[in-house]
C-alpha atoms as a PDB file:
ATOM      1  CA  UNK A   1     -69.685 110.395  53.680  1.00  0.00           C
ATOM      2  CA  UNK A   2     -69.156 111.461  50.057  1.00  0.00           C
ATOM      3  CA  UNK A   3     -67.971 107.958  49.200  1.00  0.00           C
ATOM      4  CA  UNK A   4     -71.158 106.436  50.654  1.00  0.00           C
ATOM      5  CA  UNK A   5     -73.321 108.937  48.784  1.00  0.00           C
ATOM      6  CA  UNK A   6     -71.548 108.056  45.524  1.00  0.00           C
ATOM      7  CA  UNK A   7     -72.141 104.339  46.137  1.00  0.00           C
ATOM      8  CA  UNK A   8     -75.822 104.983  46.835  1.00  0.00           C
ATOM      9  CA  UNK A   9     -76.194 107.142  43.724  1.00  0.00           C
ATOM     10  CA  UNK A  10     -74.440 104.581  41.529  1.00  0.00           C
ATOM     11  CA  UNK A  11     -76.662 101.829  42.944  1.00  0.00           C
ATOM     12  CA  UNK A  12     -79.737 103.956  42.303  1.00  0.00           C
ATOM     13  CA  UNK A  13     -78.548 104.681  38.760  1.00  0.00           C
ATOM     14  CA  UNK A  14     -78.060 100.981  38.001  1.00  0.00           C
ATOM     15  CA  UNK A  15     -81.474 100.175  39.451  1.00  0.00           C
ATOM     16  CA  UNK A  16     -83.114 102.840  37.283  1.00  0.00           C
ATOM     17  CA  UNK A  17     -81.412 101.545  34.149  1.00  0.00           C
ATOM     18  CA  UNK A  18     -82.536  97.983  34.839  1.00  0.00           C
ATOM     19  CA  UNK A  19     -86.126  99.197  35.047  1.00  0.00           C
ATOM     20  CA  UNK A  20     -85.877 100.656  31.569  1.00  0.00           C
ATOM     21  CA  UNK A  21     -84.988  97.252  30.134  1.00  0.00           C
ATOM     22  CA  UNK A  22     -88.252  95.759  31.358  1.00  0.00           C
ATOM     23  CA  UNK A  23     -90.299  98.725  30.305  1.00  0.00           C
ATOM     24  CA  UNK A  24     -88.832  98.826  26.813  1.00  0.00           C
ATOM     25  CA  UNK A  25     -90.598  95.716  25.649  1.00  0.00           C
ATOM     26  CA  UNK A  26     -93.904  96.919  26.993  1.00  0.00           C
ATOM     27  CA  UNK A  27     -93.641 100.083  24.975  1.00  0.00           C
ATOM     28  CA  UNK A  28     -92.114  98.383  21.958  1.00  0.00           C
ATOM     29  CA  UNK A  29     -94.970  95.922  21.749  1.00  0.00           C
ATOM     30  CA  UNK A  30     -97.829  98.207  22.729  1.00  0.00           C
ATOM     31  CA  UNK A  31     -97.099 101.908  22.563  1.00  0.00           C
ATOM     32  CA  UNK A  32     -95.744 101.849  19.043  1.00  0.00           C
ATOM     33  CA  UNK A  33     -99.077 103.082  17.809  1.00  0.00           C
ATOM     34  CA  UNK A  34     -97.988 106.693  18.263  1.00  0.00           C
ATOM     35  CA  UNK A  35    -101.173 107.737  20.025  1.00  0.00           C
ATOM     36  CA  UNK A  36    -101.514 109.190  23.476  1.00  0.00           C
ATOM     37  CA  UNK A  37    -104.273 106.755  24.394  1.00  0.00           C
ATOM     38  CA  UNK A  38    -103.264 103.935  26.731  1.00  0.00           C
ATOM     39  CA  UNK A  39    -105.227 101.449  24.632  1.00  0.00           C
ATOM     40  CA  UNK A  40    -105.573 102.653  21.077  1.00  0.00           C
ATOM     41  CA  UNK A  41    -108.005 100.812  18.892  1.00  0.00           C
ATOM     42  CA  UNK A  42    -108.075  99.914  15.226  1.00  0.00           C
ATOM     43  CA  UNK A  43    -108.610 102.593  12.643  1.00  0.00           C
ATOM     44  CA  UNK A  44    -109.941 102.347   9.118  1.00  0.00           C
ATOM     45  CA  UNK A  45    -106.462 101.876   7.648  1.00  0.00           C
ATOM     46  CA  UNK A  46    -105.043  99.431  10.195  1.00  0.00           C
ATOM     47  CA  UNK A  47    -107.177  96.962  12.134  1.00  0.00           C
ATOM     48  CA  UNK A  48    -103.844  95.889  13.666  1.00  0.00           C
ATOM     49  CA  UNK A  49    -102.960  99.163  15.372  1.00  0.00           C
ATOM     50  CA  UNK A  50     -99.565  98.105  16.755  1.00  0.00           C
ATOM     51  CA  UNK A  51     -96.846  98.967  14.217  1.00  0.00           C
ATOM     52  CA  UNK A  52     -94.578  96.249  15.607  1.00  0.00           C
ATOM     53  CA  UNK A  53     -97.172  93.580  14.932  1.00  0.00           C
ATOM     54  CA  UNK A  54     -97.898  95.086  11.518  1.00  0.00           C
ATOM     55  CA  UNK A  55     -94.160  94.855  10.829  1.00  0.00           C
ATOM     56  CA  UNK A  56     -94.298  91.202  11.868  1.00  0.00           C
ATOM     57  CA  UNK A  57     -97.189  90.749   9.413  1.00  0.00           C
ATOM     58  CA  UNK A  58     -99.416  89.052  11.963  1.00  0.00           C
ATOM     59  CA  UNK A  59    -102.705  87.804  10.605  1.00  0.00           C
ATOM     60  CA  UNK A  60    -106.046  89.035  11.898  1.00  0.00           C
ATOM     61  CA  UNK A  61    -106.486  85.652  13.558  1.00  0.00           C
ATOM     62  CA  UNK A  62    -103.163  86.044  15.345  1.00  0.00           C
ATOM     63  CA  UNK A  63    -104.045  89.632  16.275  1.00  0.00           C
ATOM     64  CA  UNK A  64    -107.285  88.508  17.896  1.00  0.00           C
ATOM     65  CA  UNK A  65    -105.175  86.400  20.254  1.00  0.00           C
ATOM     66  CA  UNK A  66    -102.422  88.980  20.725  1.00  0.00           C
ATOM     67  CA  UNK A  67    -104.443  92.146  21.341  1.00  0.00           C
ATOM     68  CA  UNK A  68    -106.161  91.150  24.622  1.00  0.00           C
ATOM     69  CA  UNK A  69    -102.885  89.775  25.991  1.00  0.00           C
ATOM     70  CA  UNK A  70    -101.162  93.022  24.979  1.00  0.00           C
ATOM     71  CA  UNK A  71    -103.747  95.150  26.793  1.00  0.00           C
ATOM     72  CA  UNK A  72    -103.448  93.014  29.927  1.00  0.00           C
ATOM     73  CA  UNK A  73     -99.656  93.154  29.710  1.00  0.00           C
ATOM     74  CA  UNK A  74     -99.671  96.929  29.325  1.00  0.00           C
ATOM     75  CA  UNK A  75    -101.947  97.342  32.329  1.00  0.00           C
ATOM     76  CA  UNK A  76     -99.594  95.268  34.483  1.00  0.00           C
ATOM     77  CA  UNK A  77     -96.577  97.182  33.151  1.00  0.00           C
ATOM     78  CA  UNK A  78     -98.248 100.504  33.929  1.00  0.00           C
ATOM     79  CA  UNK A  79     -98.889  99.365  37.494  1.00  0.00           C
ATOM     80  CA  UNK A  80     -95.308  98.241  38.096  1.00  0.00           C
ATOM     81  CA  UNK A  81     -93.941 101.359  36.415  1.00  0.00           C
ATOM     82  CA  UNK A  82     -95.985 103.593  38.717  1.00  0.00           C
ATOM     83  CA  UNK A  83     -94.810 101.596  41.723  1.00  0.00           C
ATOM     84  CA  UNK A  84     -91.143 101.904  40.722  1.00  0.00           C
ATOM     85  CA  UNK A  85     -91.520 105.615  40.037  1.00  0.00           C
ATOM     86  CA  UNK A  86     -93.040 106.144  43.473  1.00  0.00           C
ATOM     87  CA  UNK A  87     -90.218 104.193  45.105  1.00  0.00           C
ATOM     88  CA  UNK A  88     -87.601 106.201  43.194  1.00  0.00           C
ATOM     89  CA  UNK A  89     -89.157 109.413  44.467  1.00  0.00           C
ATOM     90  CA  UNK A  90     -89.043 108.039  48.004  1.00  0.00           C
ATOM     91  CA  UNK A  91     -85.341 107.185  47.602  1.00  0.00           C
ATOM     92  CA  UNK A  92     -84.565 110.685  46.375  1.00  0.00           C
ATOM     93  CA  UNK A  93     -86.549 112.168  49.278  1.00  0.00           C
ATOM     94  CA  UNK A  94     -84.636 109.995  51.746  1.00  0.00           C
ATOM     95  CA  UNK A  95     -81.294 110.962  50.211  1.00  0.00           C
ATOM     96  CA  UNK A  96     -82.239 114.651  50.271  1.00  0.00           C
ATOM     97  CA  UNK A  97     -82.679 114.656  54.045  1.00  0.00           C
ATOM     98  CA  UNK A  98     -79.939 116.336  56.099  1.00  0.00           C
ATOM     99  CA  UNK A  99     -79.078 112.979  57.714  1.00  0.00           C
ATOM    100  CA  UNK A 100     -80.254 110.180  55.393  1.00  0.00           C
ATOM    101  CA  UNK A 101     -81.170 106.880  57.003  1.00  0.00           C
ATOM    102  CA  UNK A 102     -78.988 104.445  55.063  1.00  0.00           C
ATOM    103  CA  UNK A 103     -81.082 101.429  56.076  1.00  0.00           C
ATOM    104  CA  UNK A 104     -84.260 103.136  54.875  1.00  0.00           C
ATOM    105  CA  UNK A 105     -82.577 103.987  51.555  1.00  0.00           C
ATOM    106  CA  UNK A 106     -81.368 100.408  51.144  1.00  0.00           C
ATOM    107  CA  UNK A 107     -84.838  99.065  51.960  1.00  0.00           C
ATOM    108  CA  UNK A 108     -86.363 101.275  49.236  1.00  0.00           C
ATOM    109  CA  UNK A 109     -83.659 100.198  46.809  1.00  0.00           C
ATOM    110  CA  UNK A 110     -84.469  96.573  47.552  1.00  0.00           C
ATOM    111  CA  UNK A 111     -88.158  97.304  46.939  1.00  0.00           C
ATOM    112  CA  UNK A 112     -87.215  98.849  43.569  1.00  0.00           C
ATOM    113  CA  UNK A 113     -85.186  95.767  42.643  1.00  0.00           C
ATOM    114  CA  UNK A 114     -88.068  93.501  43.673  1.00  0.00           C
ATOM    115  CA  UNK A 115     -90.466  95.440  41.442  1.00  0.00           C
ATOM    116  CA  UNK A 116     -87.959  95.342  38.591  1.00  0.00           C
ATOM    117  CA  UNK A 117     -87.650  91.570  38.946  1.00  0.00           C
ATOM    118  CA  UNK A 118     -91.456  91.349  38.702  1.00  0.00           C
ATOM    119  CA  UNK A 119     -91.251  93.454  35.531  1.00  0.00           C
ATOM    120  CA  UNK A 120     -88.599  91.170  34.065  1.00  0.00           C
ATOM    121  CA  UNK A 121     -90.714  88.089  34.824  1.00  0.00           C
ATOM    122  CA  UNK A 122     -93.742  89.797  33.284  1.00  0.00           C
ATOM    123  CA  UNK A 123     -91.798  90.617  30.118  1.00  0.00           C
ATOM    124  CA  UNK A 124     -90.397  87.085  29.849  1.00  0.00           C
ATOM    125  CA  UNK A 125     -93.834  85.534  30.349  1.00  0.00           C
ATOM    126  CA  UNK A 126     -95.331  87.857  27.759  1.00  0.00           C
ATOM    127  CA  UNK A 127     -92.664  86.964  25.208  1.00  0.00           C
ATOM    128  CA  UNK A 128     -93.104  83.260  25.867  1.00  0.00           C
ATOM    129  CA  UNK A 129     -96.868  83.597  25.394  1.00  0.00           C
ATOM    130  CA  UNK A 130     -96.467  85.627  22.235  1.00  0.00           C
ATOM    131  CA  UNK A 131     -94.061  83.033  20.812  1.00  0.00           C
ATOM    132  CA  UNK A 132     -96.878  80.477  20.971  1.00  0.00           C
ATOM    133  CA  UNK A 133     -98.966  82.683  18.668  1.00  0.00           C
ATOM    134  CA  UNK A 134     -96.293  83.786  16.199  1.00  0.00           C
ATOM    135  CA  UNK A 135     -94.910  81.670  13.391  1.00  0.00           C
ATOM    136  CA  UNK A 136     -91.247  80.651  13.454  1.00  0.00           C
ATOM    137  CA  UNK A 137     -90.393  83.411  10.942  1.00  0.00           C
ATOM    138  CA  UNK A 138     -92.297  86.023  12.956  1.00  0.00           C
ATOM    139  CA  UNK A 139     -90.534  84.913  16.131  1.00  0.00           C
ATOM    140  CA  UNK A 140     -87.175  85.242  14.426  1.00  0.00           C
ATOM    141  CA  UNK A 141     -88.077  88.710  13.165  1.00  0.00           C
ATOM    142  CA  UNK A 142     -89.386  89.816  16.608  1.00  0.00           C
ATOM    143  CA  UNK A 143     -86.207  88.786  18.385  1.00  0.00           C
ATOM    144  CA  UNK A 144     -84.054  90.340  15.658  1.00  0.00           C
ATOM    145  CA  UNK A 145     -85.884  93.638  16.235  1.00  0.00           C
ATOM    146  CA  UNK A 146     -85.396  93.359  19.994  1.00  0.00           C
ATOM    147  CA  UNK A 147     -81.708  92.478  19.620  1.00  0.00           C
ATOM    148  CA  UNK A 148     -81.169  95.365  17.202  1.00  0.00           C
ATOM    149  CA  UNK A 149     -82.787  97.897  19.497  1.00  0.00           C
ATOM    150  CA  UNK A 150     -81.139  96.563  22.653  1.00  0.00           C
ATOM    151  CA  UNK A 151     -77.745  96.279  20.999  1.00  0.00           C
ATOM    152  CA  UNK A 152     -77.789  99.899  20.042  1.00  0.00           C
ATOM    153  CA  UNK A 153     -77.162 101.559  16.741  1.00  0.00           C
ATOM    154  CA  UNK A 154     -76.258 105.022  15.512  1.00  0.00           C
ATOM    155  CA  UNK A 155     -79.792 106.404  15.900  1.00  0.00           C
ATOM    156  CA  UNK A 156     -80.629 104.957  19.316  1.00  0.00           C
ATOM    157  CA  UNK A 157     -77.258 104.592  20.995  1.00  0.00           C
ATOM    158  CA  UNK A 158     -76.253 101.735  23.257  1.00  0.00           C
ATOM    159  CA  UNK A 159     -78.833 100.364  25.652  1.00  0.00           C
ATOM    160  CA  UNK A 160     -77.649 101.567  29.039  1.00  0.00           C
ATOM    161  CA  UNK A 161     -75.068 104.207  28.296  1.00  0.00           C
ATOM    162  CA  UNK A 162     -76.148 107.598  29.657  1.00  0.00           C
ATOM    163  CA  UNK A 163     -75.652 110.452  27.252  1.00  0.00           C
ATOM    164  CA  UNK A 164     -75.889 108.286  24.140  1.00  0.00           C
ATOM    165  CA  UNK A 165     -79.672 108.502  24.188  1.00  0.00           C
ATOM    166  CA  UNK A 166     -82.070 109.897  26.755  1.00  0.00           C
ATOM    167  CA  UNK A 167     -83.003 107.812  29.770  1.00  0.00           C
ATOM    168  CA  UNK A 168     -79.972 105.554  29.436  1.00  0.00           C
ATOM    169  CA  UNK A 169     -80.754 104.653  25.818  1.00  0.00           C
ATOM    170  CA  UNK A 170     -84.205 103.187  26.307  1.00  0.00           C
ATOM    171  CA  UNK A 171     -86.090 106.489  26.367  1.00  0.00           C
ATOM    172  CA  UNK A 172     -85.070 107.422  22.844  1.00  0.00           C
ATOM    173  CA  UNK A 173     -85.928 103.955  21.585  1.00  0.00           C
ATOM    174  CA  UNK A 174     -89.378 104.243  23.128  1.00  0.00           C
ATOM    175  CA  UNK A 175     -90.047 107.702  21.749  1.00  0.00           C
ATOM    176  CA  UNK A 176     -88.820 106.746  18.277  1.00  0.00           C
ATOM    177  CA  UNK A 177     -90.907 103.569  18.293  1.00  0.00           C
ATOM    178  CA  UNK A 178     -93.994 105.406  19.490  1.00  0.00           C
ATOM    179  CA  UNK A 179     -93.681 107.652  16.472  1.00  0.00           C
ATOM    180  CA  UNK A 180     -92.934 104.878  14.025  1.00  0.00           C
ATOM    181  CA  UNK A 181     -89.153 105.217  14.109  1.00  0.00           C
ATOM    182  CA  UNK A 182     -88.935 108.851  13.043  1.00  0.00           C
ATOM    183  CA  UNK A 183     -85.865 110.818  14.001  1.00  0.00           C
ATOM    184  CA  UNK A 184     -86.599 113.255  16.814  1.00  0.00           C
ATOM    185  CA  UNK A 185     -83.136 114.524  17.657  1.00  0.00           C
ATOM    186  CA  UNK A 186     -84.343 118.008  18.585  1.00  0.00           C
ATOM    187  CA  UNK A 187     -86.725 116.544  21.146  1.00  0.00           C
ATOM    188  CA  UNK A 188     -84.020 114.240  22.485  1.00  0.00           C
ATOM    189  CA  UNK A 189     -81.726 117.220  22.930  1.00  0.00           C
ATOM    190  CA  UNK A 190     -84.328 119.118  24.950  1.00  0.00           C
ATOM    191  CA  UNK A 191     -84.882 116.075  27.193  1.00  0.00           C
ATOM    192  CA  UNK A 192     -81.189 115.918  28.185  1.00  0.00           C
END
């Protein structure tokens, strides 16, 4: 029984980590503004409120094409994220029962994987659409940023290695990006 529980927990852990990969881009491209609002708007200093797109030096013309797509993307990401979170809770509830129904757990895990695949498709489609708007240099810079953050470094840790950064590596990246890359090691320690 313990062996089966370990297999289920490992499977659940892998599924959770995969979800973070899809969610990372959503936050990296949208939530970098550092505000708590789901859809922050321009301010007097920065009509392009997304720090990532400011870093890419997008023009106002490019931003007018990017911003509505970004808002739509974020809305879809939020929906899938909520769905996956609900399914995760259901898996934990099923596992917590005195006599877990293995088939029910596996069905929920499959539903999580299905939602994660939808997230991955959404992310890929968003990147492909954004590539059409960005210049070749901006594209190169965007993918260099993504590779750097996914590859891990001393401040973010490897992508999916628990303990190197919160939430399997992605959580710290998201929090740092949301605050413009500042070091928040004290907060990361309290989240562990």
